[in-house]
Amino acid sequence: MTPPQILFTDGAAYERFMGVWSQAIGATFLEWLAPAPDLRWLDVGCGNGAFTEMVLRRCAPTAIEGIDLSPAQLEYARARLSMPAASFQEGNAMDLPVADDAFDVAVMPLVIFFVPDPAVGVREMTRAVRPGGTVAAYAWDLTGGGFPYEAVQAEMRALGIAVPMPPSPDAGSIEALCDLWTAAGLEQVETREIVVHRTFADFGDFWTTVASGAGGSRPLADLPPDEVSSFKARVRDRLPAADASGGITTSGRANAIRGRVPAA
């Protein structure tokens, strides 16, 4: 049976479920990318604008344009970022509504596995970036156990519940990313692994975040109450021990890649 797909349409729910993770991993990614100021950025799959905001505050871009399929996410992003340098429009990563060579940097933050044909998405980013510019991305290592809520997904699989997955879950591996960047004709391709951590106030905080409905956790709502209680206990056993105040620190692992568009 084909697993249901993960869809993010609620900007506020996404912020709780993934926003903190996105901020942590985005900061490390931008430090690694070390971009010059005054560049034109393209944020493909910008969602609710969390990464867009980071670029604006950390990288001093001339302009940044966010593209996303979800009108609701874009509405959240526009409300979040009323800055002249930021603009947003609805669009598909496999058919970007932008001109050739229009940007200095194109990024896909935690997005490439959502693209039905990642190779087309990478070619589109490459088309949109000028010669000598940068095409980059980072993605959870979904098939390698790097997703921050892997403990929940592991228990879903154990119960025979179809785990919601994006269209291209394998695209976040180092091998797949390298193949995609090389096939697009990008040069000076480099990769790195990024591990980030998040501390929840207690297990209740963790579970409320998971059960918010964001990120494909909706199948859990169909479980009978007694099974939910058992499920929660097994998930808790998979998580690290709590600290003295009850806090639980979990981790996520992503792979990052960057490459240069060949000179004309």
C-alpha atoms as a PDB file:
ATOM      1  CA  MET A   1       0.000   0.000   0.000  1.00  0.00           C
ATOM      2  CA  THR A   2       1.304   3.426  -0.928  1.00  0.00           C
ATOM      3  CA  PRO A   3       1.792   5.472   2.260  1.00  0.00           C
ATOM      4  CA  PRO A   4      -0.106   8.746   2.539  1.00  0.00           C
ATOM      5  CA  GLN A   5       1.906  11.846   1.719  1.00  0.00           C
ATOM      6  CA  ILE A   6       2.948  14.551   4.131  1.00  0.00           C
ATOM      7  CA  LEU A   7       1.358  17.896   3.347  1.00  0.00           C
ATOM      8  CA  PHE A   8       2.032  21.174   5.177  1.00  0.00           C
ATOM      9  CA  THR A   9      -0.723  23.755   4.773  1.00  0.00           C
ATOM     10  CA  ASP A  10      -1.007  25.303   8.249  1.00  0.00           C
ATOM     11  CA  GLY A  11       1.812  27.779   8.881  1.00  0.00           C
ATOM     12  CA  ALA A  12       1.254  27.955  12.639  1.00  0.00           C
ATOM     13  CA  ALA A  13       1.128  24.157  13.084  1.00  0.00           C
ATOM     14  CA  TYR A  14       4.238  23.801  10.968  1.00  0.00           C
ATOM     15  CA  GLU A  15       6.002  26.376  13.128  1.00  0.00           C
ATOM     16  CA  ARG A  16       5.509  24.270  16.267  1.00  0.00           C
ATOM     17  CA  PHE A  17       6.191  20.920  14.611  1.00  0.00           C
ATOM     18  CA  MET A  18       9.151  21.858  12.419  1.00  0.00           C
ATOM     19  CA  GLY A  19       9.956  25.559  12.864  1.00  0.00           C
ATOM     20  CA  VAL A  20      12.352  25.082  15.792  1.00  0.00           C
ATOM     21  CA  TRP A  21      14.155  22.318  13.918  1.00  0.00           C
ATOM     22  CA  SER A  22      14.287  24.464  10.799  1.00  0.00           C
ATOM     23  CA  GLN A  23      15.854  27.358  12.706  1.00  0.00           C
ATOM     24  CA  ALA A  24      18.537  25.152  14.254  1.00  0.00           C
ATOM     25  CA  ILE A  25      19.530  23.363  11.085  1.00  0.00           C
ATOM     26  CA  GLY A  26      19.212  26.487   8.947  1.00  0.00           C
ATOM     27  CA  ALA A  27      21.693  28.353  11.133  1.00  0.00           C
ATOM     28  CA  THR A  28      24.310  25.617  10.747  1.00  0.00           C
ATOM     29  CA  PHE A  29      23.645  25.391   7.019  1.00  0.00           C
ATOM     30  CA  LEU A  30      24.120  29.135   6.494  1.00  0.00           C
ATOM     31  CA  GLU A  31      27.351  29.114   8.501  1.00  0.00           C
ATOM     32  CA  TRP A  32      28.618  26.359   6.215  1.00  0.00           C
ATOM     33  CA  LEU A  33      27.413  28.135   3.075  1.00  0.00           C
ATOM     34  CA  ALA A  34      29.112  31.379   4.219  1.00  0.00           C
ATOM     35  CA  PRO A  35      27.508  33.568   1.527  1.00  0.00           C
ATOM     36  CA  ALA A  36      28.631  37.072   0.674  1.00  0.00           C
ATOM     37  CA  PRO A  37      26.198  39.943   1.401  1.00  0.00           C
ATOM     38  CA  ASP A  38      24.140  41.757  -1.235  1.00  0.00           C
ATOM     39  CA  LEU A  39      23.112  38.654  -3.168  1.00  0.00           C
ATOM     40  CA  ARG A  40      19.799  37.808  -4.818  1.00  0.00           C
ATOM     41  CA  TRP A  41      18.303  34.661  -3.225  1.00  0.00           C
ATOM     42  CA  LEU A  42      15.648  32.197  -4.356  1.00  0.00           C
ATOM     43  CA  ASP A  43      14.025  30.139  -1.565  1.00  0.00           C
ATOM     44  CA  VAL A  44      12.311  27.168  -3.228  1.00  0.00           C
ATOM     45  CA  GLY A  45       9.616  25.637  -1.040  1.00  0.00           C
ATOM     46  CA  CYS A  46       9.769  28.542   1.392  1.00  0.00           C
ATOM     47  CA  GLY A  47       6.755  27.332   3.388  1.00  0.00           C
ATOM     48  CA  ASN A  48       5.893  29.706   6.222  1.00  0.00           C
ATOM     49  CA  GLY A  49       9.033  31.790   5.719  1.00  0.00           C
ATOM     50  CA  ALA A  50      11.163  30.441   8.591  1.00  0.00           C
ATOM     51  CA  PHE A  51      14.290  29.986   6.488  1.00  0.00           C
ATOM     52  CA  THR A  52      13.568  33.097   4.440  1.00  0.00           C
ATOM     53  CA  GLU A  53      13.631  35.108   7.651  1.00  0.00           C
ATOM     54  CA  MET A  54      16.975  33.580   8.624  1.00  0.00           C
ATOM     55  CA  VAL A  55      18.540  34.603   5.314  1.00  0.00           C
ATOM     56  CA  LEU A  56      17.240  38.144   5.725  1.00  0.00           C
ATOM     57  CA  ARG A  57      18.611  38.501   9.243  1.00  0.00           C
ATOM     58  CA  ARG A  58      21.923  36.704   8.766  1.00  0.00           C
ATOM     59  CA  CYS A  59      23.006  37.189   5.148  1.00  0.00           C
ATOM     60  CA  ALA A  60      22.057  40.779   4.205  1.00  0.00           C
ATOM     61  CA  PRO A  61      20.622  39.857   0.786  1.00  0.00           C
ATOM     62  CA  THR A  62      19.685  42.447  -1.788  1.00  0.00           C
ATOM     63  CA  ALA A  63      16.466  40.508  -2.304  1.00  0.00           C
ATOM     64  CA  ILE A  64      14.973  37.108  -1.565  1.00  0.00           C
ATOM     65  CA  GLU A  65      12.024  35.529  -3.350  1.00  0.00           C
ATOM     66  CA  GLY A  66      10.117  32.642  -1.786  1.00  0.00           C
ATOM     67  CA  ILE A  67       8.232  30.107  -3.888  1.00  0.00           C
ATOM     68  CA  ASP A  68       5.722  27.621  -2.462  1.00  0.00           C
ATOM     69  CA  LEU A  69       2.691  25.610  -3.560  1.00  0.00           C
ATOM     70  CA  SER A  70       0.603  26.386  -0.469  1.00  0.00           C
ATOM     71  CA  PRO A  71      -1.354  29.657  -0.421  1.00  0.00           C
ATOM     72  CA  ALA A  72      -1.900  29.265   3.331  1.00  0.00           C
ATOM     73  CA  GLN A  73       1.818  28.916   4.005  1.00  0.00           C
ATOM     74  CA  LEU A  74       2.564  31.906   1.798  1.00  0.00           C
ATOM     75  CA  GLU A  75      -0.025  33.984   3.651  1.00  0.00           C
ATOM     76  CA  TYR A  76       1.733  33.138   6.926  1.00  0.00           C
ATOM     77  CA  ALA A  77       5.117  34.010   5.397  1.00  0.00           C
ATOM     78  CA  ARG A  78       3.908  37.392   4.135  1.00  0.00           C
ATOM     79  CA  ALA A  79       2.474  38.263   7.545  1.00  0.00           C
ATOM     80  CA  ARG A  80       5.718  37.198   9.181  1.00  0.00           C
ATOM     81  CA  LEU A  81       8.014  39.141   6.867  1.00  0.00           C
ATOM     82  CA  SER A  82       6.831  42.584   5.862  1.00  0.00           C
ATOM     83  CA  MET A  83      10.283  43.545   4.609  1.00  0.00           C
ATOM     84  CA  PRO A  84      10.946  45.230   1.255  1.00  0.00           C
ATOM     85  CA  ALA A  85      13.672  42.722   0.386  1.00  0.00           C
ATOM     86  CA  ALA A  86      11.305  39.735   0.701  1.00  0.00           C
ATOM     87  CA  SER A  87       8.682  38.709  -1.842  1.00  0.00           C
ATOM     88  CA  PHE A  88       6.619  35.543  -2.213  1.00  0.00           C
ATOM     89  CA  GLN A  89       4.680  33.871  -4.970  1.00  0.00           C
ATOM     90  CA  GLU A  90       2.865  30.612  -5.524  1.00  0.00           C
ATOM     91  CA  GLY A  91       4.710  28.209  -7.781  1.00  0.00           C
ATOM     92  CA  ASN A  92       5.943  24.703  -8.468  1.00  0.00           C
ATOM     93  CA  ALA A  93       9.556  23.680  -7.816  1.00  0.00           C
ATOM     94  CA  MET A  94       9.552  21.755 -11.098  1.00  0.00           C
ATOM     95  CA  ASP A  95       8.439  24.806 -13.091  1.00  0.00           C
ATOM     96  CA  LEU A  96       9.754  27.840 -11.246  1.00  0.00           C
ATOM     97  CA  PRO A  97       7.985  31.091 -12.207  1.00  0.00           C
ATOM     98  CA  VAL A  98      11.271  33.005 -12.479  1.00  0.00           C
ATOM     99  CA  ALA A  99      13.602  34.129 -15.261  1.00  0.00           C
ATOM    100  CA  ASP A 100      16.856  32.453 -16.265  1.00  0.00           C
ATOM    101  CA  ASP A 101      20.017  33.633 -14.438  1.00  0.00           C
ATOM    102  CA  ALA A 102      17.922  35.861 -12.141  1.00  0.00           C
ATOM    103  CA  PHE A 103      19.541  34.894  -8.824  1.00  0.00           C
ATOM    104  CA  ASP A 104      22.930  34.482  -7.194  1.00  0.00           C
ATOM    105  CA  VAL A 105      21.826  31.705  -4.818  1.00  0.00           C
ATOM    106  CA  ALA A 106      19.011  29.170  -4.976  1.00  0.00           C
ATOM    107  CA  VAL A 107      18.216  26.988  -1.971  1.00  0.00           C
ATOM    108  CA  MET A 108      15.816  24.163  -1.110  1.00  0.00           C
ATOM    109  CA  PRO A 109      15.583  23.995   2.697  1.00  0.00           C
ATOM    110  CA  LEU A 110      14.048  20.682   3.850  1.00  0.00           C
ATOM    111  CA  VAL A 111      12.168  20.471   0.563  1.00  0.00           C
ATOM    112  CA  ILE A 112      13.816  18.272  -2.055  1.00  0.00           C
ATOM    113  CA  PHE A 113      12.082  15.081  -0.893  1.00  0.00           C
ATOM    114  CA  PHE A 114       8.733  16.815  -1.456  1.00  0.00           C
ATOM    115  CA  VAL A 115       9.513  17.334  -5.154  1.00  0.00           C
ATOM    116  CA  PRO A 116       7.969  14.509  -7.227  1.00  0.00           C
ATOM    117  CA  ASP A 117      10.912  14.603  -9.663  1.00  0.00           C
ATOM    118  CA  PRO A 118      13.904  16.018  -7.757  1.00  0.00           C
ATOM    119  CA  ALA A 119      16.109  16.028 -10.864  1.00  0.00           C
ATOM    120  CA  VAL A 120      13.730  18.469 -12.550  1.00  0.00           C
ATOM    121  CA  GLY A 121      13.696  20.636  -9.430  1.00  0.00           C
ATOM    122  CA  VAL A 122      17.495  20.838  -9.305  1.00  0.00           C
ATOM    123  CA  ARG A 123      17.663  21.671 -13.017  1.00  0.00           C
ATOM    124  CA  GLU A 124      15.126  24.439 -12.456  1.00  0.00           C
ATOM    125  CA  MET A 125      17.197  25.944  -9.638  1.00  0.00           C
ATOM    126  CA  THR A 126      20.281  25.736 -11.846  1.00  0.00           C
ATOM    127  CA  ARG A 127      18.434  27.518 -14.644  1.00  0.00           C
ATOM    128  CA  ALA A 128      17.395  30.301 -12.274  1.00  0.00           C
ATOM    129  CA  VAL A 129      20.948  30.985 -11.007  1.00  0.00           C
ATOM    130  CA  ARG A 130      23.562  32.984 -12.898  1.00  0.00           C
ATOM    131  CA  PRO A 131      26.869  31.411 -13.994  1.00  0.00           C
ATOM    132  CA  GLY A 132      29.148  31.215 -10.975  1.00  0.00           C
ATOM    133  CA  GLY A 133      26.215  31.268  -8.562  1.00  0.00           C
ATOM    134  CA  THR A 134      25.338  28.691  -5.932  1.00  0.00           C
ATOM    135  CA  VAL A 135      22.682  25.978  -5.869  1.00  0.00           C
ATOM    136  CA  ALA A 136      22.271  24.393  -2.436  1.00  0.00           C
ATOM    137  CA  ALA A 137      19.928  22.335  -0.304  1.00  0.00           C
ATOM    138  CA  TYR A 138      19.625  20.402   2.908  1.00  0.00           C
ATOM    139  CA  ALA A 139      17.239  17.561   3.697  1.00  0.00           C
ATOM    140  CA  TRP A 140      16.440  15.186   6.523  1.00  0.00           C
ATOM    141  CA  ASP A 141      17.996  11.769   5.983  1.00  0.00           C
ATOM    142  CA  LEU A 142      14.551  10.169   6.032  1.00  0.00           C
ATOM    143  CA  THR A 143      15.532   6.693   4.894  1.00  0.00           C
ATOM    144  CA  GLY A 144      18.606   6.714   7.147  1.00  0.00           C
ATOM    145  CA  GLY A 145      16.676   7.414  10.368  1.00  0.00           C
ATOM    146  CA  GLY A 146      17.528  11.109  10.549  1.00  0.00           C
ATOM    147  CA  PHE A 147      13.992  12.517  10.795  1.00  0.00           C
ATOM    148  CA  PRO A 148      13.541  14.277  14.173  1.00  0.00           C
ATOM    149  CA  TYR A 149      10.383  12.275  14.940  1.00  0.00           C
ATOM    150  CA  GLU A 150      11.800   8.901  13.888  1.00  0.00           C
ATOM    151  CA  ALA A 151      10.770   7.379  17.255  1.00  0.00           C
ATOM    152  CA  VAL A 152       7.126   8.017  16.392  1.00  0.00           C
ATOM    153  CA  GLN A 153       7.458   6.728  12.864  1.00  0.00           C
ATOM    154  CA  ALA A 154       9.224   3.564  14.054  1.00  0.00           C
ATOM    155  CA  GLU A 155       6.292   2.743  16.342  1.00  0.00           C
ATOM    156  CA  MET A 156       3.807   3.450  13.561  1.00  0.00           C
ATOM    157  CA  ARG A 157       5.635   0.967  11.354  1.00  0.00           C
ATOM    158  CA  ALA A 158       5.657  -1.581  14.183  1.00  0.00           C
ATOM    159  CA  LEU A 159       1.848  -1.342  14.380  1.00  0.00           C
ATOM    160  CA  GLY A 160       1.469  -1.641  10.628  1.00  0.00           C
ATOM    161  CA  ILE A 161       0.317   1.962  10.284  1.00  0.00           C
ATOM    162  CA  ALA A 162       1.362   3.490   6.961  1.00  0.00           C
ATOM    163  CA  VAL A 163       3.819   6.259   7.773  1.00  0.00           C
ATOM    164  CA  PRO A 164       3.061   9.386   5.751  1.00  0.00           C
ATOM    165  CA  MET A 165       6.018  10.102   3.483  1.00  0.00           C
ATOM    166  CA  PRO A 166       6.929  12.748   0.921  1.00  0.00           C
ATOM    167  CA  PRO A 167       6.992  11.776  -2.774  1.00  0.00           C
ATOM    168  CA  SER A 168      10.789  11.309  -2.936  1.00  0.00           C
ATOM    169  CA  PRO A 169      11.959  10.110   0.508  1.00  0.00           C
ATOM    170  CA  ASP A 170      15.299   8.807  -0.815  1.00  0.00           C
ATOM    171  CA  ALA A 171      16.326  12.192  -2.208  1.00  0.00           C
ATOM    172  CA  GLY A 172      17.847  13.334   1.094  1.00  0.00           C
ATOM    173  CA  SER A 173      20.669  10.806   1.158  1.00  0.00           C
ATOM    174  CA  ILE A 174      24.208  12.004   0.433  1.00  0.00           C
ATOM    175  CA  GLU A 175      24.450   9.660  -2.539  1.00  0.00           C
ATOM    176  CA  ALA A 176      21.176  10.838  -4.081  1.00  0.00           C
ATOM    177  CA  LEU A 177      22.027  14.510  -3.580  1.00  0.00           C
ATOM    178  CA  CYS A 178      25.438  14.094  -5.197  1.00  0.00           C
ATOM    179  CA  ASP A 179      23.887  12.325  -8.175  1.00  0.00           C
ATOM    180  CA  LEU A 180      21.279  15.074  -8.585  1.00  0.00           C
ATOM    181  CA  TRP A 181      23.793  17.929  -8.404  1.00  0.00           C
ATOM    182  CA  THR A 182      26.216  16.218 -10.761  1.00  0.00           C
ATOM    183  CA  ALA A 183      23.484  15.362 -13.277  1.00  0.00           C
ATOM    184  CA  ALA A 184      22.421  19.026 -13.317  1.00  0.00           C
ATOM    185  CA  GLY A 185      25.937  19.970 -14.452  1.00  0.00           C
ATOM    186  CA  LEU A 186      26.878  21.723 -11.215  1.00  0.00           C
ATOM    187  CA  GLU A 187      30.554  22.003 -10.317  1.00  0.00           C
ATOM    188  CA  GLN A 188      32.582  22.085  -7.080  1.00  0.00           C
ATOM    189  CA  VAL A 189      29.949  19.940  -5.398  1.00  0.00           C
ATOM    190  CA  GLU A 190      30.414  19.611  -1.627  1.00  0.00           C
ATOM    191  CA  THR A 191      28.358  17.883   1.056  1.00  0.00           C
ATOM    192  CA  ARG A 192      28.184  17.694   4.818  1.00  0.00           C
ATOM    193  CA  GLU A 193      26.100  16.073   7.528  1.00  0.00           C
ATOM    194  CA  ILE A 194      24.302  18.322  10.013  1.00  0.00           C
ATOM    195  CA  VAL A 195      23.039  17.083  13.391  1.00  0.00           C
ATOM    196  CA  VAL A 196      20.797  19.351  15.474  1.00  0.00           C
ATOM    197  CA  HIS A 197      19.095  19.012  18.855  1.00  0.00           C
ATOM    198  CA  ARG A 198      15.859  20.215  20.436  1.00  0.00           C
ATOM    199  CA  THR A 199      14.818  20.083  24.075  1.00  0.00           C
ATOM    200  CA  PHE A 200      11.132  19.581  24.878  1.00  0.00           C
ATOM    201  CA  ALA A 201       9.902  20.662  28.305  1.00  0.00           C
ATOM    202  CA  ASP A 202       8.758  17.110  29.020  1.00  0.00           C
ATOM    203  CA  PHE A 203       7.172  14.167  27.220  1.00  0.00           C
ATOM    204  CA  GLY A 204       3.815  15.946  27.251  1.00  0.00           C
ATOM    205  CA  ASP A 205       5.335  18.808  25.287  1.00  0.00           C
ATOM    206  CA  PHE A 206       6.847  16.341  22.810  1.00  0.00           C
ATOM    207  CA  TRP A 207       3.590  14.449  22.372  1.00  0.00           C
ATOM    208  CA  THR A 208       1.453  17.569  21.964  1.00  0.00           C
ATOM    209  CA  THR A 209       3.819  18.738  19.239  1.00  0.00           C
ATOM    210  CA  VAL A 210       3.593  15.391  17.447  1.00  0.00           C
ATOM    211  CA  ALA A 211      -0.180  15.118  17.826  1.00  0.00           C
ATOM    212  CA  SER A 212      -0.824  18.630  16.488  1.00  0.00           C
ATOM    213  CA  GLY A 213      -1.627  17.082  13.115  1.00  0.00           C
ATOM    214  CA  ALA A 214       1.339  18.600  11.318  1.00  0.00           C
ATOM    215  CA  GLY A 215       3.834  16.505   9.415  1.00  0.00           C
ATOM    216  CA  GLY A 216       1.668  13.480   8.753  1.00  0.00           C
ATOM    217  CA  SER A 217       0.767  12.442  12.316  1.00  0.00           C
ATOM    218  CA  ARG A 218      -2.978  12.373  11.569  1.00  0.00           C
ATOM    219  CA  PRO A 219      -3.184   8.534  11.341  1.00  0.00           C
ATOM    220  CA  LEU A 220      -2.626   8.464  15.118  1.00  0.00           C
ATOM    221  CA  ALA A 221      -5.993  10.148  15.596  1.00  0.00           C
ATOM    222  CA  ASP A 222      -7.677   6.961  14.318  1.00  0.00           C
ATOM    223  CA  LEU A 223      -6.272   4.767  17.118  1.00  0.00           C
ATOM    224  CA  PRO A 224      -8.597   3.744  19.988  1.00  0.00           C
ATOM    225  CA  PRO A 225      -7.763   5.511  23.291  1.00  0.00           C
ATOM    226  CA  ASP A 226      -6.245   2.401  24.898  1.00  0.00           C
ATOM    227  CA  GLU A 227      -3.965   1.875  21.893  1.00  0.00           C
ATOM    228  CA  VAL A 228      -2.922   5.517  21.968  1.00  0.00           C
ATOM    229  CA  SER A 229      -1.846   5.138  25.597  1.00  0.00           C
ATOM    230  CA  SER A 230       0.222   2.044  24.759  1.00  0.00           C
ATOM    231  CA  PHE A 231       1.652   3.723  21.681  1.00  0.00           C
ATOM    232  CA  LYS A 232       2.738   6.772  23.694  1.00  0.00           C
ATOM    233  CA  ALA A 233       4.464   4.570  26.269  1.00  0.00           C
ATOM    234  CA  ARG A 234       6.455   2.773  23.585  1.00  0.00           C
ATOM    235  CA  VAL A 235       7.453   6.056  21.951  1.00  0.00           C
ATOM    236  CA  ARG A 236       8.603   7.365  25.336  1.00  0.00           C
ATOM    237  CA  ASP A 237      10.806   4.297  25.739  1.00  0.00           C
ATOM    238  CA  ARG A 238      12.544   5.124  22.468  1.00  0.00           C
ATOM    239  CA  LEU A 239      13.421   8.679  23.508  1.00  0.00           C
ATOM    240  CA  PRO A 240      16.438   9.755  25.581  1.00  0.00           C
ATOM    241  CA  ALA A 241      16.098   9.899  29.357  1.00  0.00           C
ATOM    242  CA  ALA A 242      14.734  13.121  30.806  1.00  0.00           C
ATOM    243  CA  ASP A 243      17.049  15.577  32.500  1.00  0.00           C
ATOM    244  CA  ALA A 244      16.659  16.722  36.116  1.00  0.00           C
ATOM    245  CA  SER A 245      13.865  19.140  35.205  1.00  0.00           C
ATOM    246  CA  GLY A 246      12.008  16.632  33.029  1.00  0.00           C
ATOM    247  CA  GLY A 247      13.279  17.992  29.730  1.00  0.00           C
ATOM    248  CA  ILE A 248      13.842  15.578  26.848  1.00  0.00           C
ATOM    249  CA  THR A 249      16.471  16.390  24.235  1.00  0.00           C
ATOM    250  CA  THR A 250      16.047  14.725  20.857  1.00  0.00           C
ATOM    251  CA  SER A 251      18.057  15.033  17.671  1.00  0.00           C
ATOM    252  CA  GLY A 252      17.661  15.144  13.923  1.00  0.00           C
ATOM    253  CA  ARG A 253      20.179  14.514  11.146  1.00  0.00           C
ATOM    254  CA  ALA A 254      20.213  16.106   7.714  1.00  0.00           C
ATOM    255  CA  ASN A 255      22.482  16.126   4.691  1.00  0.00           C
ATOM    256  CA  ALA A 256      23.503  19.359   2.978  1.00  0.00           C
ATOM    257  CA  ILE A 257      24.901  19.980  -0.490  1.00  0.00           C
ATOM    258  CA  ARG A 258      26.132  22.926  -2.539  1.00  0.00           C
ATOM    259  CA  GLY A 259      27.468  23.392  -6.051  1.00  0.00           C
ATOM    260  CA  ARG A 260      28.409  26.108  -8.527  1.00  0.00           C
ATOM    261  CA  VAL A 261      26.715  26.880 -11.807  1.00  0.00           C
ATOM    262  CA  PRO A 262      29.420  26.602 -14.510  1.00  0.00           C
ATOM    263  CA  ALA A 263      30.746  29.833 -15.955  1.00  0.00           C
ATOM    264  CA  ALA A 264      29.261  30.709 -19.320  1.00  0.00           C
END
